[in-house]
C-alpha atoms as a PDB file:
ATOM      1  CA  MET A   1      45.509 -40.542  21.311  1.00  0.00           C
ATOM      2  CA  ARG A   2      46.576 -39.163  24.689  1.00  0.00           C
ATOM      3  CA  LEU A   3      49.056 -41.987  25.102  1.00  0.00           C
ATOM      4  CA  GLU A   4      50.492 -41.248  21.666  1.00  0.00           C
ATOM      5  CA  ALA A   5      50.889 -37.646  22.738  1.00  0.00           C
ATOM      6  CA  ALA A   6      52.811 -38.832  25.863  1.00  0.00           C
ATOM      7  CA  LYS A   7      55.309 -40.634  23.635  1.00  0.00           C
ATOM      8  CA  ARG A   8      55.784 -37.447  21.679  1.00  0.00           C
ATOM      9  CA  PHE A   9      56.202 -35.345  24.876  1.00  0.00           C
ATOM     10  CA  GLU A  10      58.976 -37.775  25.902  1.00  0.00           C
ATOM     11  CA  ALA A  11      60.623 -37.294  22.494  1.00  0.00           C
ATOM     12  CA  GLY A  12      60.519 -33.483  23.002  1.00  0.00           C
ATOM     13  CA  ALA A  13      58.005 -32.674  20.220  1.00  0.00           C
ATOM     14  CA  GLY A  14      56.345 -29.272  20.434  1.00  0.00           C
ATOM     15  CA  THR A  15      52.671 -28.597  21.126  1.00  0.00           C
ATOM     16  CA  ALA A  16      51.852 -27.302  17.689  1.00  0.00           C
ATOM     17  CA  GLN A  17      53.572 -30.254  16.027  1.00  0.00           C
ATOM     18  CA  ILE A  18      51.798 -32.828  18.214  1.00  0.00           C
ATOM     19  CA  ALA A  19      48.370 -31.120  17.560  1.00  0.00           C
ATOM     20  CA  ALA A  20      48.929 -31.145  13.805  1.00  0.00           C
ATOM     21  CA  GLU A  21      50.065 -34.789  13.772  1.00  0.00           C
ATOM     22  CA  LEU A  22      47.198 -36.014  15.972  1.00  0.00           C
ATOM     23  CA  ARG A  23      44.697 -33.664  14.432  1.00  0.00           C
ATOM     24  CA  VAL A  24      43.526 -32.159  17.724  1.00  0.00           C
ATOM     25  CA  THR A  25      43.586 -28.589  19.070  1.00  0.00           C
ATOM     26  CA  GLU A  26      46.657 -27.136  20.626  1.00  0.00           C
ATOM     27  CA  ARG A  27      44.616 -26.439  23.759  1.00  0.00           C
ATOM     28  CA  SER A  28      43.973 -30.206  24.219  1.00  0.00           C
ATOM     29  CA  VAL A  29      47.671 -30.903  23.811  1.00  0.00           C
ATOM     30  CA  ARG A  30      48.560 -28.317  26.394  1.00  0.00           C
ATOM     31  CA  ARG A  31      46.122 -29.910  28.901  1.00  0.00           C
ATOM     32  CA  TRP A  32      47.546 -33.341  28.156  1.00  0.00           C
ATOM     33  CA  TRP A  33      51.069 -31.947  28.624  1.00  0.00           C
ATOM     34  CA  ALA A  34      50.198 -30.470  32.036  1.00  0.00           C
ATOM     35  CA  ALA A  35      48.689 -33.803  33.163  1.00  0.00           C
ATOM     36  CA  TRP A  36      51.623 -35.751  31.726  1.00  0.00           C
ATOM     37  CA  ARG A  37      54.132 -33.459  33.524  1.00  0.00           C
ATOM     38  CA  GLN A  38      52.425 -34.045  36.862  1.00  0.00           C
ATOM     39  CA  GLY A  39      51.577 -37.733  36.616  1.00  0.00           C
ATOM     40  CA  GLY A  40      53.369 -39.238  33.621  1.00  0.00           C
ATOM     41  CA  ALA A  41      51.636 -41.344  30.998  1.00  0.00           C
ATOM     42  CA  GLY A  42      49.376 -42.919  33.623  1.00  0.00           C
ATOM     43  CA  ALA A  43      47.754 -39.544  34.100  1.00  0.00           C
ATOM     44  CA  LEU A  44      46.644 -39.594  30.475  1.00  0.00           C
ATOM     45  CA  ALA A  45      44.917 -43.030  30.674  1.00  0.00           C
ATOM     46  CA  SER A  46      41.237 -43.110  30.016  1.00  0.00           C
ATOM     47  CA  ALA A  47      39.004 -42.802  33.082  1.00  0.00           C
ATOM     48  CA  GLY A  48      36.302 -44.791  31.346  1.00  0.00           C
ATOM     49  CA  PRO A  49      32.946 -43.711  29.966  1.00  0.00           C
ATOM     50  CA  MET A  50      31.581 -40.291  30.940  1.00  0.00           C
ATOM     51  CA  ALA A  51      28.302 -41.793  32.114  1.00  0.00           C
ATOM     52  CA  VAL A  52      27.371 -45.005  33.687  1.00  0.00           C
ATOM     53  CA  GLU A  53      25.214 -47.192  31.391  1.00  0.00           C
ATOM     54  CA  LYS A  54      21.549 -47.036  32.456  1.00  0.00           C
ATOM     55  CA  LEU A  55      20.695 -50.530  31.265  1.00  0.00           C
ATOM     56  CA  SER A  56      21.681 -53.674  33.119  1.00  0.00           C
ATOM     57  CA  PRO A  57      23.100 -56.632  31.092  1.00  0.00           C
ATOM     58  CA  GLN A  58      19.745 -58.401  31.405  1.00  0.00           C
ATOM     59  CA  GLN A  59      17.927 -55.313  30.076  1.00  0.00           C
ATOM     60  CA  TRP A  60      20.383 -55.024  27.221  1.00  0.00           C
ATOM     61  CA  GLN A  61      19.744 -58.689  26.248  1.00  0.00           C
ATOM     62  CA  ARG A  62      15.994 -58.057  26.284  1.00  0.00           C
ATOM     63  CA  LEU A  63      16.391 -54.843  24.177  1.00  0.00           C
ATOM     64  CA  LYS A  64      18.552 -56.731  21.664  1.00  0.00           C
ATOM     65  CA  ALA A  65      15.846 -59.440  21.354  1.00  0.00           C
ATOM     66  CA  GLU A  66      13.169 -56.822  20.887  1.00  0.00           C
ATOM     67  CA  LEU A  67      15.187 -54.993  18.253  1.00  0.00           C
ATOM     68  CA  LYS A  68      15.476 -58.257  16.348  1.00  0.00           C
ATOM     69  CA  ARG A  69      11.677 -58.634  16.329  1.00  0.00           C
ATOM     70  CA  GLY A  70      11.506 -55.501  14.287  1.00  0.00           C
ATOM     71  CA  PRO A  71       9.685 -52.142  14.349  1.00  0.00           C
ATOM     72  CA  LEU A  72       6.331 -53.568  13.260  1.00  0.00           C
ATOM     73  CA  ALA A  73       6.143 -55.738  16.362  1.00  0.00           C
ATOM     74  CA  HIS A  74       6.341 -52.562  18.473  1.00  0.00           C
ATOM     75  CA  GLY A  75       3.728 -50.547  16.600  1.00  0.00           C
ATOM     76  CA  PHE A  76       5.871 -48.596  14.128  1.00  0.00           C
ATOM     77  CA  ASP A  77       4.072 -48.499  10.830  1.00  0.00           C
ATOM     78  CA  ASP A  78       6.875 -48.022   8.353  1.00  0.00           C
ATOM     79  CA  GLU A  79       8.838 -51.296   8.177  1.00  0.00           C
ATOM     80  CA  GLU A  80      10.868 -49.902   5.234  1.00  0.00           C
ATOM     81  CA  GLN A  81      12.387 -47.232   7.462  1.00  0.00           C
ATOM     82  CA  GLY A  82      13.564 -49.816   9.982  1.00  0.00           C
ATOM     83  CA  TRP A  83      14.924 -48.874  13.360  1.00  0.00           C
ATOM     84  CA  THR A  84      15.893 -45.268  13.830  1.00  0.00           C
ATOM     85  CA  LEU A  85      17.635 -43.830  16.889  1.00  0.00           C
ATOM     86  CA  LYS A  86      14.376 -42.065  17.789  1.00  0.00           C
ATOM     87  CA  ARG A  87      12.467 -45.357  17.625  1.00  0.00           C
ATOM     88  CA  VAL A  88      15.042 -47.155  19.741  1.00  0.00           C
ATOM     89  CA  LYS A  89      14.918 -44.327  22.282  1.00  0.00           C
ATOM     90  CA  LEU A  90      11.069 -44.702  22.493  1.00  0.00           C
ATOM     91  CA  LEU A  91      11.343 -48.487  22.780  1.00  0.00           C
ATOM     92  CA  ILE A  92      13.832 -48.185  25.670  1.00  0.00           C
ATOM     93  CA  GLY A  93      11.499 -45.776  27.431  1.00  0.00           C
ATOM     94  CA  ARG A  94       8.490 -48.050  26.965  1.00  0.00           C
ATOM     95  CA  LEU A  95      10.318 -51.266  28.027  1.00  0.00           C
ATOM     96  CA  PHE A  96      12.448 -50.036  30.885  1.00  0.00           C
ATOM     97  CA  HIS A  97      11.137 -46.576  31.849  1.00  0.00           C
ATOM     98  CA  VAL A  98      14.612 -45.228  31.298  1.00  0.00           C
ATOM     99  CA  GLY A  99      15.359 -41.945  29.515  1.00  0.00           C
ATOM    100  CA  TYR A 100      18.041 -41.656  26.894  1.00  0.00           C
ATOM    101  CA  THR A 101      18.813 -38.864  24.470  1.00  0.00           C
ATOM    102  CA  VAL A 102      19.124 -39.759  20.771  1.00  0.00           C
ATOM    103  CA  GLN A 103      22.903 -39.238  21.036  1.00  0.00           C
ATOM    104  CA  GLY A 104      22.903 -41.495  24.150  1.00  0.00           C
ATOM    105  CA  VAL A 105      21.103 -44.251  22.202  1.00  0.00           C
ATOM    106  CA  TRP A 106      23.691 -43.976  19.449  1.00  0.00           C
ATOM    107  CA  ARG A 107      26.572 -44.313  21.958  1.00  0.00           C
ATOM    108  CA  LEU A 108      24.801 -47.282  23.644  1.00  0.00           C
ATOM    109  CA  LEU A 109      24.329 -49.134  20.314  1.00  0.00           C
ATOM    110  CA  LYS A 110      27.958 -48.396  19.277  1.00  0.00           C
ATOM    111  CA  ARG A 111      29.282 -49.595  22.597  1.00  0.00           C
ATOM    112  CA  HIS A 112      27.476 -52.912  22.100  1.00  0.00           C
ATOM    113  CA  GLY A 113      28.647 -53.366  18.529  1.00  0.00           C
ATOM    114  CA  TRP A 114      25.576 -52.190  16.621  1.00  0.00           C
ATOM    115  CA  GLY A 115      26.482 -50.026  13.650  1.00  0.00           C
ATOM    116  CA  ARG A 116      24.847 -47.897  11.080  1.00  0.00           C
ATOM    117  CA  GLN A 117      22.409 -49.805   8.898  1.00  0.00           C
ATOM    118  CA  VAL A 118      21.099 -49.325   5.432  1.00  0.00           C
ATOM    119  CA  PRO A 119      17.262 -49.196   5.000  1.00  0.00           C
ATOM    120  CA  VAL A 120      15.855 -52.593   4.045  1.00  0.00           C
ATOM    121  CA  ARG A 121      14.584 -51.525   0.586  1.00  0.00           C
ATOM    122  CA  ARG A 122      17.966 -50.164  -0.467  1.00  0.00           C
ATOM    123  CA  ALA A 123      19.782 -53.199   0.922  1.00  0.00           C
ATOM    124  CA  LEU A 124      17.523 -55.650  -0.931  1.00  0.00           C
ATOM    125  CA  GLU A 125      17.466 -53.740  -4.202  1.00  0.00           C
ATOM    126  CA  GLY A 126      21.059 -52.626  -4.094  1.00  0.00           C
ATOM    127  CA  THR A 127      19.989 -49.162  -5.176  1.00  0.00           C
ATOM    128  CA  ARG A 128      21.766 -45.975  -4.511  1.00  0.00           C
ATOM    129  CA  ARG A 129      20.312 -42.848  -3.071  1.00  0.00           C
ATOM    130  CA  ARG A 130      18.756 -40.513  -5.535  1.00  0.00           C
ATOM    131  CA  SER A 131      18.348 -36.797  -5.470  1.00  0.00           C
ATOM    132  CA  ARG A 132      14.963 -35.064  -5.443  1.00  0.00           C
ATOM    133  CA  CYS A 133      14.963 -35.032  -9.213  1.00  0.00           C
ATOM    134  CA  GLY A 134      15.240 -38.823  -9.450  1.00  0.00           C
ATOM    135  CA  ARG A 135      18.822 -38.978 -10.671  1.00  0.00           C
ATOM    136  CA  PRO A 136      21.655 -40.580  -8.746  1.00  0.00           C
ATOM    137  CA  ARG A 137      23.263 -38.017  -6.408  1.00  0.00           C
ATOM    138  CA  CYS A 138      25.346 -35.650  -8.481  1.00  0.00           C
ATOM    139  CA  GLY A 139      25.633 -32.733  -6.145  1.00  0.00           C
ATOM    140  CA  ARG A 140      22.765 -30.812  -7.726  1.00  0.00           C
ATOM    141  CA  GLY A 141      19.577 -31.768  -6.134  1.00  0.00           C
END
């Protein structure tokens, strides 16, 4: 996004226009513009992730294998619920004595290509979520 903004700076576009087109705040565009003015497009390149990953590649492979074994193998009672971020966080702590936040676990899983999953029951049955009254979600529930 920052590199796209650099192209627009070169074309002479205004801050408000760039912010609207890229759907970011004008304040961000002004910061990018100042960096671009001092160091060109290279100054807008990503500096990498904000934090260093706490798990080594070997630990990640082990975590992946343990996740594939399922939550029951690790003492979580409700197989239907599957893996939640909180459960993965607890598993990482138990296996490697490394602390992650729930958000950190989400970023870790995303970085390694794991996405959002549907609970097993719904995936197998192909059912849709229902509201508290038992009807398919209609906005009144």
